[in-house]
C-alpha atoms as a PDB file:
ATOM      1  CA  MET A   1     -25.894   2.348  11.973  1.00  0.00           C
ATOM      2  CA  ALA A   2     -22.701   0.360  11.946  1.00  0.00           C
ATOM      3  CA  GLU A   3     -19.314   2.886  12.604  1.00  0.00           C
ATOM      4  CA  MET A   4     -18.160   4.690   9.408  1.00  0.00           C
ATOM      5  CA  VAL A   5     -14.828   4.364   8.741  1.00  0.00           C
ATOM      6  CA  ASP A   6     -12.569   6.734   7.512  1.00  0.00           C
ATOM      7  CA  TYR A   7     -10.313   5.335   4.604  1.00  0.00           C
ATOM      8  CA  ASP A   8      -6.621   6.664   3.257  1.00  0.00           C
ATOM      9  CA  GLU A   9      -5.412   4.021   0.512  1.00  0.00           C
ATOM     10  CA  PHE A  10      -1.788   5.261   1.434  1.00  0.00           C
ATOM     11  CA  ALA A  11      -1.844   5.065   5.567  1.00  0.00           C
ATOM     12  CA  TYR A  12      -1.287   1.568   5.695  1.00  0.00           C
ATOM     13  CA  PHE A  13       2.020   0.613   4.269  1.00  0.00           C
ATOM     14  CA  HIS A  14       3.648   0.773   7.217  1.00  0.00           C
ATOM     15  CA  GLU A  15       1.716  -2.902   8.051  1.00  0.00           C
ATOM     16  CA  ASN A  16       3.206  -4.589   5.110  1.00  0.00           C
ATOM     17  CA  ALA A  17       6.722  -3.675   5.893  1.00  0.00           C
ATOM     18  CA  ALA A  18       5.886  -4.847   9.505  1.00  0.00           C
ATOM     19  CA  GLU A  19       4.056  -7.707   8.516  1.00  0.00           C
ATOM     20  CA  TRP A  20       6.586  -9.546   6.087  1.00  0.00           C
ATOM     21  CA  GLY A  21      10.183  -8.083   8.166  1.00  0.00           C
ATOM     22  CA  LEU A  22      10.790  -4.568   5.596  1.00  0.00           C
ATOM     23  CA  PRO A  23      12.117  -2.015   6.277  1.00  0.00           C
ATOM     24  CA  ASP A  24       9.778   1.077   7.289  1.00  0.00           C
ATOM     25  CA  ASP A  25      11.568   4.268   6.300  1.00  0.00           C
ATOM     26  CA  GLY A  26       8.928   6.449   6.284  1.00  0.00           C
ATOM     27  CA  PRO A  27       5.843   6.455   3.015  1.00  0.00           C
ATOM     28  CA  PRO A  28       6.871   5.025  -0.079  1.00  0.00           C
ATOM     29  CA  ASP A  29       7.122   7.178  -3.460  1.00  0.00           C
ATOM     30  CA  VAL A  30       3.873   6.259  -4.271  1.00  0.00           C
ATOM     31  CA  GLU A  31       1.626   8.096  -6.208  1.00  0.00           C
ATOM     32  CA  ARG A  32      -2.481   7.158  -8.366  1.00  0.00           C
ATOM     33  CA  VAL A  33      -2.217   8.398 -11.739  1.00  0.00           C
ATOM     34  CA  ALA A  34      -5.221   8.029 -14.290  1.00  0.00           C
ATOM     35  CA  THR A  35      -5.133   7.550 -17.756  1.00  0.00           C
ATOM     36  CA  THR A  36      -8.314   8.719 -20.192  1.00  0.00           C
ATOM     37  CA  CYS A  37      -9.082   5.537 -22.467  1.00  0.00           C
ATOM     38  CA  PRO A  38      -9.765   7.197 -26.179  1.00  0.00           C
ATOM     39  CA  ASP A  39     -13.654   6.674 -25.281  1.00  0.00           C
ATOM     40  CA  GLY A  40     -13.130   8.666 -22.227  1.00  0.00           C
ATOM     41  CA  ARG A  41     -13.324   6.217 -19.677  1.00  0.00           C
ATOM     42  CA  LEU A  42     -10.877   6.913 -17.173  1.00  0.00           C
ATOM     43  CA  MET A  43      -8.599   4.079 -16.366  1.00  0.00           C
ATOM     44  CA  SER A  44      -6.360   4.303 -12.634  1.00  0.00           C
ATOM     45  CA  SER A  45      -3.362   2.852 -11.455  1.00  0.00           C
ATOM     46  CA  LEU A  46      -0.566   2.881  -8.742  1.00  0.00           C
ATOM     47  CA  LYS A  47       3.171   4.302  -9.666  1.00  0.00           C
ATOM     48  CA  TRP A  48       5.753   3.308  -7.564  1.00  0.00           C
ATOM     49  CA  GLY A  49       9.105   5.948  -8.154  1.00  0.00           C
ATOM     50  CA  GLY A  50       9.734   7.172 -11.112  1.00  0.00           C
ATOM     51  CA  ALA A  51       9.851   5.441 -15.352  1.00  0.00           C
ATOM     52  CA  PRO A  52       8.390   2.338 -14.148  1.00  0.00           C
ATOM     53  CA  ARG A  53      10.065  -0.824 -15.387  1.00  0.00           C
ATOM     54  CA  LEU A  54       7.407  -2.632 -14.362  1.00  0.00           C
ATOM     55  CA  VAL A  55       3.906  -3.651 -14.300  1.00  0.00           C
ATOM     56  CA  LEU A  56       1.877  -5.888 -12.249  1.00  0.00           C
ATOM     57  CA  ILE A  57      -1.864  -5.980 -13.299  1.00  0.00           C
ATOM     58  CA  HIS A  58      -4.167  -7.722 -10.610  1.00  0.00           C
ATOM     59  CA  GLY A  59      -6.504 -10.539 -10.778  1.00  0.00           C
ATOM     60  CA  GLY A  60     -10.721 -10.407 -10.759  1.00  0.00           C
ATOM     61  CA  ALA A  61     -12.313  -8.883  -8.355  1.00  0.00           C
ATOM     62  CA  GLN A  62      -8.871  -7.261  -6.515  1.00  0.00           C
ATOM     63  CA  ASN A  63      -7.025  -4.062  -7.285  1.00  0.00           C
ATOM     64  CA  ALA A  64      -3.597  -2.156  -7.601  1.00  0.00           C
ATOM     65  CA  HIS A  65      -3.212  -2.358  -3.696  1.00  0.00           C
ATOM     66  CA  THR A  66      -2.816  -6.847  -3.865  1.00  0.00           C
ATOM     67  CA  TRP A  67       0.814  -5.934  -5.052  1.00  0.00           C
ATOM     68  CA  ASP A  68       1.248  -3.231  -2.234  1.00  0.00           C
ATOM     69  CA  THR A  69       3.527  -5.371  -0.232  1.00  0.00           C
ATOM     70  CA  VAL A  70       5.592  -6.896  -3.141  1.00  0.00           C
ATOM     71  CA  ALA A  71       6.491  -3.441  -5.153  1.00  0.00           C
ATOM     72  CA  LEU A  72       7.754  -2.507  -1.115  1.00  0.00           C
ATOM     73  CA  ALA A  73      10.047  -5.434  -1.280  1.00  0.00           C
ATOM     74  CA  LEU A  74      11.263  -4.794  -4.772  1.00  0.00           C
ATOM     75  CA  ARG A  75      12.110  -1.395  -4.565  1.00  0.00           C
ATOM     76  CA  GLU A  76      11.979  -0.536  -8.198  1.00  0.00           C
ATOM     77  CA  PRO A  77       9.909   2.298  -9.773  1.00  0.00           C
ATOM     78  CA  LEU A  78       6.346  -0.092 -11.384  1.00  0.00           C
ATOM     79  CA  LEU A  79       2.770   0.872 -12.747  1.00  0.00           C
ATOM     80  CA  ALA A  80      -0.015  -1.058 -10.745  1.00  0.00           C
ATOM     81  CA  PRO A  81      -3.236  -0.368 -12.761  1.00  0.00           C
ATOM     82  CA  ASP A  82      -6.902  -0.837 -11.356  1.00  0.00           C
ATOM     83  CA  LEU A  83      -8.490  -3.091 -14.091  1.00  0.00           C
ATOM     84  CA  PRO A  84     -12.038  -1.780 -15.725  1.00  0.00           C
ATOM     85  CA  GLY A  85     -14.455  -2.465 -13.534  1.00  0.00           C
ATOM     86  CA  HIS A  86     -12.644  -2.880 -10.575  1.00  0.00           C
ATOM     87  CA  GLY A  87     -10.712  -0.474  -8.068  1.00  0.00           C
ATOM     88  CA  HIS A  88     -11.146   3.108  -8.790  1.00  0.00           C
ATOM     89  CA  SER A  89     -10.853   2.520 -12.783  1.00  0.00           C
ATOM     90  CA  ASP A  90     -14.368   3.443 -14.364  1.00  0.00           C
ATOM     91  CA  SER A  91     -16.765   0.375 -15.811  1.00  0.00           C
ATOM     92  CA  PRO A  92     -15.857  -1.683 -19.001  1.00  0.00           C
ATOM     93  CA  ALA A  93     -17.006  -0.298 -22.011  1.00  0.00           C
ATOM     94  CA  PRO A  94     -20.721  -1.204 -22.889  1.00  0.00           C
ATOM     95  CA  GLY A  95     -20.219  -5.365 -24.180  1.00  0.00           C
ATOM     96  CA  ALA A  96     -16.770  -5.311 -23.106  1.00  0.00           C
ATOM     97  CA  GLY A  97     -16.844  -7.248 -19.759  1.00  0.00           C
ATOM     98  CA  THR A  98     -13.682  -7.566 -18.137  1.00  0.00           C
ATOM     99  CA  ALA A  99     -12.604  -9.986 -21.271  1.00  0.00           C
ATOM    100  CA  PRO A 100      -8.709 -10.169 -21.770  1.00  0.00           C
ATOM    101  CA  ASP A 101      -8.073  -8.560 -25.193  1.00  0.00           C
ATOM    102  CA  ALA A 102     -10.805  -5.565 -24.684  1.00  0.00           C
ATOM    103  CA  ASN A 103      -8.795  -5.243 -21.092  1.00  0.00           C
ATOM    104  CA  ALA A 104      -6.261  -5.358 -22.881  1.00  0.00           C
ATOM    105  CA  ALA A 105      -6.683  -2.188 -25.059  1.00  0.00           C
ATOM    106  CA  ASP A 106      -7.742  -0.347 -21.165  1.00  0.00           C
ATOM    107  CA  LEU A 107      -3.934  -1.734 -20.307  1.00  0.00           C
ATOM    108  CA  ALA A 108      -2.078  -0.468 -23.523  1.00  0.00           C
ATOM    109  CA  ALA A 109      -3.556   3.274 -23.214  1.00  0.00           C
ATOM    110  CA  VAL A 110      -2.558   2.882 -19.554  1.00  0.00           C
ATOM    111  CA  LEU A 111       1.031   1.603 -20.625  1.00  0.00           C
ATOM    112  CA  ASP A 112       1.664   4.347 -23.887  1.00  0.00           C
ATOM    113  CA  ASP A 113       0.651   6.723 -21.125  1.00  0.00           C
ATOM    114  CA  HIS A 114       2.920   5.678 -17.293  1.00  0.00           C
ATOM    115  CA  ALA A 115       5.252   2.391 -18.354  1.00  0.00           C
ATOM    116  CA  PRO A 116       5.675   2.779 -22.438  1.00  0.00           C
ATOM    117  CA  GLU A 117       9.556   1.361 -21.686  1.00  0.00           C
ATOM    118  CA  ALA A 118       8.578  -1.352 -18.978  1.00  0.00           C
ATOM    119  CA  ASP A 119      10.956  -4.525 -18.824  1.00  0.00           C
ATOM    120  CA  LEU A 120       8.497  -6.883 -17.269  1.00  0.00           C
ATOM    121  CA  VAL A 121       4.611  -7.340 -17.254  1.00  0.00           C
ATOM    122  CA  VAL A 122       3.387  -9.603 -14.358  1.00  0.00           C
ATOM    123  CA  GLY A 123       0.084 -10.756 -14.806  1.00  0.00           C
ATOM    124  CA  MET A 124      -2.103 -12.595 -11.485  1.00  0.00           C
ATOM    125  CA  SER A 125      -5.639 -14.228 -12.570  1.00  0.00           C
ATOM    126  CA  LEU A 126      -8.262 -12.164 -14.908  1.00  0.00           C
ATOM    127  CA  GLY A 127      -4.632 -10.118 -14.694  1.00  0.00           C
ATOM    128  CA  GLY A 128      -2.034 -12.577 -16.090  1.00  0.00           C
ATOM    129  CA  LEU A 129      -4.692 -13.490 -19.180  1.00  0.00           C
ATOM    130  CA  SER A 130      -5.399  -9.760 -19.888  1.00  0.00           C
ATOM    131  CA  ALA A 131      -1.372  -9.994 -20.240  1.00  0.00           C
ATOM    132  CA  ILE A 132      -1.181 -12.398 -22.582  1.00  0.00           C
ATOM    133  CA  ALA A 133      -3.558 -10.761 -24.964  1.00  0.00           C
ATOM    134  CA  LEU A 134      -1.469  -7.131 -23.880  1.00  0.00           C
ATOM    135  CA  ALA A 135       1.449  -8.782 -25.681  1.00  0.00           C
ATOM    136  CA  THR A 136      -0.659 -10.214 -28.789  1.00  0.00           C
ATOM    137  CA  ALA A 137      -1.799  -6.896 -29.108  1.00  0.00           C
ATOM    138  CA  ARG A 138       0.790  -4.333 -28.280  1.00  0.00           C
ATOM    139  CA  PRO A 139       4.803  -6.760 -28.442  1.00  0.00           C
ATOM    140  CA  ASP A 140       6.433  -3.211 -27.605  1.00  0.00           C
ATOM    141  CA  LEU A 141       4.528  -2.910 -24.794  1.00  0.00           C
ATOM    142  CA  VAL A 142       5.268  -6.206 -23.220  1.00  0.00           C
ATOM    143  CA  PRO A 143       9.383  -7.431 -23.725  1.00  0.00           C
ATOM    144  CA  ARG A 144       8.975  -9.983 -21.229  1.00  0.00           C
ATOM    145  CA  LEU A 145       5.718 -12.352 -19.122  1.00  0.00           C
ATOM    146  CA  LEU A 146       5.414 -13.160 -16.293  1.00  0.00           C
ATOM    147  CA  LEU A 147       2.443 -15.358 -15.146  1.00  0.00           C
ATOM    148  CA  VAL A 148       1.161 -15.635 -11.297  1.00  0.00           C
ATOM    149  CA  ASP A 149      -1.418 -18.783 -10.944  1.00  0.00           C
ATOM    150  CA  ILE A 150      -2.421 -18.938 -14.265  1.00  0.00           C
ATOM    151  CA  THR A 151      -2.673 -20.353 -17.295  1.00  0.00           C
ATOM    152  CA  PRO A 152      -5.574 -20.670 -20.761  1.00  0.00           C
ATOM    153  CA  GLY A 153      -6.588 -24.285 -19.452  1.00  0.00           C
ATOM    154  CA  VAL A 154      -8.316 -22.232 -16.724  1.00  0.00           C
ATOM    155  CA  THR A 155     -11.838 -23.472 -15.925  1.00  0.00           C
ATOM    156  CA  GLY A 156     -15.247 -22.904 -14.231  1.00  0.00           C
ATOM    157  CA  GLU A 157     -14.112 -26.480 -11.846  1.00  0.00           C
ATOM    158  CA  LYS A 158     -10.921 -25.059 -10.988  1.00  0.00           C
ATOM    159  CA  ALA A 159     -11.565 -21.620  -9.981  1.00  0.00           C
ATOM    160  CA  LYS A 160     -14.963 -23.055  -8.500  1.00  0.00           C
ATOM    161  CA  ALA A 161     -13.564 -21.578  -4.899  1.00  0.00           C
ATOM    162  CA  ILE A 162     -12.986 -18.244  -6.238  1.00  0.00           C
ATOM    163  CA  HIS A 163     -16.049 -17.752  -7.891  1.00  0.00           C
ATOM    164  CA  ASP A 164     -18.098 -19.238  -4.886  1.00  0.00           C
ATOM    165  CA  PHE A 165     -15.905 -16.201  -3.282  1.00  0.00           C
ATOM    166  CA  VAL A 166     -16.886 -13.575  -5.367  1.00  0.00           C
ATOM    167  CA  ARG A 167     -20.778 -14.643  -6.084  1.00  0.00           C
ATOM    168  CA  GLY A 168     -21.176 -14.472  -2.702  1.00  0.00           C
ATOM    169  CA  PRO A 169     -23.552 -11.426  -0.944  1.00  0.00           C
ATOM    170  CA  ALA A 170     -23.652  -8.102  -2.087  1.00  0.00           C
ATOM    171  CA  THR A 171     -23.652  -6.376   0.702  1.00  0.00           C
ATOM    172  CA  PHE A 172     -22.647  -6.549   4.072  1.00  0.00           C
ATOM    173  CA  PRO A 173     -24.478  -4.640   7.181  1.00  0.00           C
ATOM    174  CA  SER A 174     -20.667  -4.377   8.959  1.00  0.00           C
ATOM    175  CA  PHE A 175     -17.360  -4.832   8.118  1.00  0.00           C
ATOM    176  CA  ASP A 176     -17.071  -7.387  10.852  1.00  0.00           C
ATOM    177  CA  GLU A 177     -19.131  -9.647   8.785  1.00  0.00           C
ATOM    178  CA  LEU A 178     -17.436  -8.773   5.464  1.00  0.00           C
ATOM    179  CA  LEU A 179     -13.980 -10.065   7.383  1.00  0.00           C
ATOM    180  CA  ALA A 180     -15.381 -12.892   8.594  1.00  0.00           C
ATOM    181  CA  ARG A 181     -16.388 -14.118   4.666  1.00  0.00           C
ATOM    182  CA  THR A 182     -12.950 -12.843   3.709  1.00  0.00           C
ATOM    183  CA  MET A 183     -11.133 -14.945   6.681  1.00  0.00           C
ATOM    184  CA  GLU A 184     -13.389 -18.014   5.946  1.00  0.00           C
ATOM    185  CA  PHE A 185     -11.915 -18.064   2.454  1.00  0.00           C
ATOM    186  CA  ASN A 186      -8.782 -16.945   3.091  1.00  0.00           C
ATOM    187  CA  PRO A 187      -8.118 -19.008   5.993  1.00  0.00           C
ATOM    188  CA  THR A 188      -3.781 -19.607   5.606  1.00  0.00           C
ATOM    189  CA  ARG A 189      -3.930 -15.526   5.563  1.00  0.00           C
ATOM    190  CA  SER A 190      -2.992 -13.334   8.206  1.00  0.00           C
ATOM    191  CA  GLU A 191      -6.097 -11.353   9.603  1.00  0.00           C
ATOM    192  CA  SER A 192      -4.069  -7.816   9.365  1.00  0.00           C
ATOM    193  CA  SER A 193      -3.623  -7.966   5.935  1.00  0.00           C
ATOM    194  CA  LEU A 194      -7.324  -9.519   5.059  1.00  0.00           C
ATOM    195  CA  ARG A 195      -8.785  -6.592   7.093  1.00  0.00           C
ATOM    196  CA  ARG A 196      -5.945  -4.047   4.421  1.00  0.00           C
ATOM    197  CA  GLY A 197      -7.321  -5.937   1.558  1.00  0.00           C
ATOM    198  CA  ILE A 198     -11.220  -4.824   2.557  1.00  0.00           C
ATOM    199  CA  LEU A 199     -10.413  -1.888   3.246  1.00  0.00           C
ATOM    200  CA  HIS A 200      -8.951  -0.808  -0.426  1.00  0.00           C
ATOM    201  CA  ASN A 201     -11.384  -4.079  -2.006  1.00  0.00           C
ATOM    202  CA  ALA A 202     -15.250  -2.614  -0.068  1.00  0.00           C
ATOM    203  CA  THR A 203     -15.966   1.134   0.229  1.00  0.00           C
ATOM    204  CA  GLN A 204     -18.614   1.139   2.912  1.00  0.00           C
ATOM    205  CA  LEU A 205     -22.203   3.143   2.611  1.00  0.00           C
ATOM    206  CA  ASP A 206     -24.061   6.319   3.824  1.00  0.00           C
ATOM    207  CA  ASP A 207     -26.155   3.530   6.235  1.00  0.00           C
ATOM    208  CA  GLY A 208     -22.563   2.111   7.310  1.00  0.00           C
ATOM    209  CA  SER A 209     -23.091  -1.261   5.244  1.00  0.00           C
ATOM    210  CA  TRP A 210     -19.701  -2.164   2.595  1.00  0.00           C
ATOM    211  CA  VAL A 211     -19.943  -3.846  -0.952  1.00  0.00           C
ATOM    212  CA  TRP A 212     -17.063  -4.029  -3.108  1.00  0.00           C
ATOM    213  CA  ARG A 213     -15.266  -1.992  -5.810  1.00  0.00           C
ATOM    214  CA  HIS A 214     -15.125  -4.848  -8.415  1.00  0.00           C
ATOM    215  CA  ARG A 215     -18.404  -5.415 -10.463  1.00  0.00           C
ATOM    216  CA  ARG A 216     -19.867  -8.269  -9.927  1.00  0.00           C
ATOM    217  CA  ASP A 217     -20.924  -9.243 -13.101  1.00  0.00           C
ATOM    218  CA  ASP A 218     -18.236 -10.673 -14.827  1.00  0.00           C
ATOM    219  CA  SER A 219     -15.181  -9.187 -12.872  1.00  0.00           C
ATOM    220  CA  ALA A 220     -13.472 -12.642 -11.902  1.00  0.00           C
ATOM    221  CA  VAL A 221     -13.523 -16.059 -12.878  1.00  0.00           C
ATOM    222  CA  MET A 222     -14.596 -18.256 -16.037  1.00  0.00           C
ATOM    223  CA  VAL A 223     -17.468 -20.534 -14.687  1.00  0.00           C
ATOM    224  CA  ASP A 224     -18.534 -23.355 -16.909  1.00  0.00           C
ATOM    225  CA  SER A 225     -21.970 -23.628 -18.249  1.00  0.00           C
ATOM    226  CA  ASP A 226     -23.748 -23.664 -21.415  1.00  0.00           C
ATOM    227  CA  ASP A 227     -24.573 -20.234 -21.877  1.00  0.00           C
ATOM    228  CA  PRO A 228     -23.520 -19.285 -25.316  1.00  0.00           C
ATOM    229  CA  ASP A 229     -21.738 -16.216 -23.792  1.00  0.00           C
ATOM    230  CA  THR A 230     -19.526 -17.888 -21.732  1.00  0.00           C
ATOM    231  CA  ALA A 231     -18.983 -20.325 -23.840  1.00  0.00           C
ATOM    232  CA  ALA A 232     -17.560 -18.050 -26.514  1.00  0.00           C
ATOM    233  CA  ARG A 233     -15.287 -16.907 -23.475  1.00  0.00           C
ATOM    234  CA  ARG A 234     -14.129 -20.653 -22.764  1.00  0.00           C
ATOM    235  CA  ARG A 235     -13.357 -20.316 -26.544  1.00  0.00           C
ATOM    236  CA  ASP A 236     -11.253 -16.986 -26.283  1.00  0.00           C
ATOM    237  CA  THR A 237      -9.378 -17.915 -23.574  1.00  0.00           C
ATOM    238  CA  VAL A 238      -8.311 -21.123 -25.348  1.00  0.00           C
ATOM    239  CA  ALA A 239      -7.407 -18.975 -27.811  1.00  0.00           C
ATOM    240  CA  LEU A 240      -4.636 -17.545 -25.398  1.00  0.00           C
ATOM    241  CA  TRP A 241      -2.181 -20.357 -25.799  1.00  0.00           C
ATOM    242  CA  ASP A 242      -1.671 -19.634 -29.199  1.00  0.00           C
ATOM    243  CA  ASP A 243      -1.075 -16.433 -28.607  1.00  0.00           C
ATOM    244  CA  LEU A 244       1.507 -17.830 -25.430  1.00  0.00           C
ATOM    245  CA  ALA A 245       3.228 -19.578 -28.275  1.00  0.00           C
ATOM    246  CA  GLY A 246       3.412 -16.735 -30.955  1.00  0.00           C
ATOM    247  CA  PHE A 247       4.621 -14.033 -27.848  1.00  0.00           C
ATOM    248  CA  ALA A 248       8.535 -13.806 -28.470  1.00  0.00           C
ATOM    249  CA  GLY A 249       9.600 -12.415 -25.601  1.00  0.00           C
ATOM    250  CA  PRO A 250      10.438 -14.924 -22.396  1.00  0.00           C
ATOM    251  CA  VAL A 251       8.108 -16.253 -20.000  1.00  0.00           C
ATOM    252  CA  THR A 252       7.570 -17.466 -16.475  1.00  0.00           C
ATOM    253  CA  LEU A 253       4.589 -19.300 -14.712  1.00  0.00           C
ATOM    254  CA  VAL A 254       4.425 -18.626 -11.193  1.00  0.00           C
ATOM    255  CA  ARG A 255       2.294 -22.040  -9.959  1.00  0.00           C
ATOM    256  CA  GLY A 256       1.453 -22.023  -6.046  1.00  0.00           C
ATOM    257  CA  MET A 257       1.280 -25.557  -5.026  1.00  0.00           C
ATOM    258  CA  ARG A 258      -1.670 -25.256  -2.270  1.00  0.00           C
ATOM    259  CA  GLU A 259      -5.241 -26.284  -2.933  1.00  0.00           C
ATOM    260  CA  GLN A 260      -6.146 -22.977  -4.233  1.00  0.00           C
ATOM    261  CA  SER A 261      -4.095 -22.551  -7.106  1.00  0.00           C
ATOM    262  CA  VAL A 262      -5.981 -22.773 -10.818  1.00  0.00           C
ATOM    263  CA  VAL A 263      -2.370 -24.532 -11.930  1.00  0.00           C
ATOM    264  CA  THR A 264      -2.856 -28.187 -12.708  1.00  0.00           C
ATOM    265  CA  ASP A 265       0.006 -30.981 -13.928  1.00  0.00           C
ATOM    266  CA  ASP A 266      -1.862 -30.320 -17.294  1.00  0.00           C
ATOM    267  CA  ASP A 267      -1.204 -26.653 -17.290  1.00  0.00           C
ATOM    268  CA  VAL A 268       2.199 -27.330 -16.595  1.00  0.00           C
ATOM    269  CA  ALA A 269       2.183 -29.788 -19.677  1.00  0.00           C
ATOM    270  CA  GLU A 270       0.007 -27.868 -22.259  1.00  0.00           C
ATOM    271  CA  LEU A 271       3.014 -25.173 -21.302  1.00  0.00           C
ATOM    272  CA  ARG A 272       5.483 -27.407 -21.915  1.00  0.00           C
ATOM    273  CA  ARG A 273       3.993 -28.029 -24.751  1.00  0.00           C
ATOM    274  CA  HIS A 274       3.800 -24.462 -26.047  1.00  0.00           C
ATOM    275  CA  ARG A 275       6.520 -22.963 -25.027  1.00  0.00           C
ATOM    276  CA  PRO A 276       9.021 -25.109 -24.332  1.00  0.00           C
ATOM    277  CA  ASP A 277      11.564 -22.824 -22.919  1.00  0.00           C
ATOM    278  CA  ALA A 278       8.994 -21.496 -20.451  1.00  0.00           C
ATOM    279  CA  ARG A 279      10.278 -21.603 -16.824  1.00  0.00           C
ATOM    280  CA  VAL A 280       7.765 -22.499 -14.436  1.00  0.00           C
ATOM    281  CA  VAL A 281       8.580 -21.832 -10.283  1.00  0.00           C
ATOM    282  CA  GLU A 282       6.531 -23.490  -7.643  1.00  0.00           C
ATOM    283  CA  VAL A 283       5.754 -21.787  -4.418  1.00  0.00           C
ATOM    284  CA  ASP A 284       4.177 -22.448  -1.625  1.00  0.00           C
ATOM    285  CA  ALA A 285       0.928 -20.458  -2.097  1.00  0.00           C
ATOM    286  CA  GLY A 286      -2.213 -20.660  -3.183  1.00  0.00           C
ATOM    287  CA  HIS A 287      -3.530 -19.135  -5.569  1.00  0.00           C
ATOM    288  CA  SER A 288      -2.840 -15.643  -4.376  1.00  0.00           C
ATOM    289  CA  VAL A 289       0.541 -15.682  -4.618  1.00  0.00           C
ATOM    290  CA  GLN A 290       1.117 -11.725  -3.819  1.00  0.00           C
ATOM    291  CA  GLY A 291      -0.530 -12.757  -0.661  1.00  0.00           C
ATOM    292  CA  ASP A 292       0.887 -16.267   0.216  1.00  0.00           C
ATOM    293  CA  GLN A 293       4.194 -15.270  -0.566  1.00  0.00           C
ATOM    294  CA  PRO A 294       4.620 -11.893  -1.371  1.00  0.00           C
ATOM    295  CA  LEU A 295       8.573 -11.919  -0.758  1.00  0.00           C
ATOM    296  CA  GLU A 296       9.317 -15.067  -2.178  1.00  0.00           C
ATOM    297  CA  LEU A 297       7.248 -13.708  -5.136  1.00  0.00           C
ATOM    298  CA  ALA A 298       9.583 -10.428  -5.367  1.00  0.00           C
ATOM    299  CA  GLU A 299      12.490 -12.504  -5.907  1.00  0.00           C
ATOM    300  CA  ILE A 300      10.786 -14.352  -8.685  1.00  0.00           C
ATOM    301  CA  ILE A 301      10.008 -11.177 -10.256  1.00  0.00           C
ATOM    302  CA  ARG A 302      13.704  -9.824 -10.259  1.00  0.00           C
ATOM    303  CA  ALA A 303      15.218 -13.272 -12.002  1.00  0.00           C
ATOM    304  CA  ALA A 304      12.658 -12.648 -14.892  1.00  0.00           C
ATOM    305  CA  LEU A 305      13.271  -9.223 -15.222  1.00  0.00           C
ATOM    306  CA  ALA A 306      17.388 -10.454 -15.466  1.00  0.00           C
ATOM    307  CA  ASP A 307      15.845 -12.370 -17.983  1.00  0.00           C
ATOM    308  CA  PRO A 308      17.386 -11.994 -21.929  1.00  0.00           C
ATOM    309  CA  ILE A 309      15.667 -10.868 -24.661  1.00  0.00           C
ATOM    310  CA  PRO A 310      15.842 -13.093 -27.650  1.00  0.00           C
ATOM    311  CA  GLU A 311      17.746 -10.603 -30.482  1.00  0.00           C
ATOM    312  CA  GLU A 312      14.897 -10.126 -32.748  1.00  0.00           C
ATOM    313  CA  THR A 313      12.641  -8.948 -30.699  1.00  0.00           C
ATOM    314  CA  SER A 314      14.813  -6.379 -28.845  1.00  0.00           C
END
């Protein structure tokens, strides 16, 4: 049987700091906190420091720890939730799946609980679409919005590489096999960062095998097909363009410029059409900007925090 791994989610911050040349002055002030949704399901989050100025929402098939290096670089009080069916959060409400509007309802409960006065909401991939839906449903919780390599123009074709990775084997006999597959799909990332990511995003079973923490049924990406449910999800995603146009606060798009990105020139043009005032920042990164360029992303987030809010929304 494979060797059992003793996992402590708070034991790796010094590795993040060392890899990116950040100060390591002891364990950061971070704790896991819970929110009870109206239907009794639990949402789990990582809370860094005091009253959060920032909310960082991860993408599909990820979890709150994807932001660890960004959080260490920012040194700002922030909240990083685990989306429903991801990380340490309970599954979505029955029948809800991981649609952005369903996620938004759960995120609203989390922010009401732990970050009611955040200055900026950052969302990556599925987290970005969910953040747009949150800004529409509860604009009081989203003064500013920053999207990380995502727009409502995402399609299954654009996200094929992500889909292929997420829809891979359900179980892995050993950690090394899981690591090898992850490295194959993330060639620009260091082995040490991917090893940490797996420890946060997978769990070891009693027989020594490994499975992902996130739900596999609909946890990650937009898929192109003729299935009626998928077509409905696609229509709902496209409708987020109008929601983005109606959002009154400042909008920033961080676009990865490597081939793994899911944002195209056409998506940027569509964003300009709906939000001529949006700031677009191009970064030498793939889809996971927080993994490829966390320090640069932290600086972009700092700049977004300073964006003036229109008078009528303040």
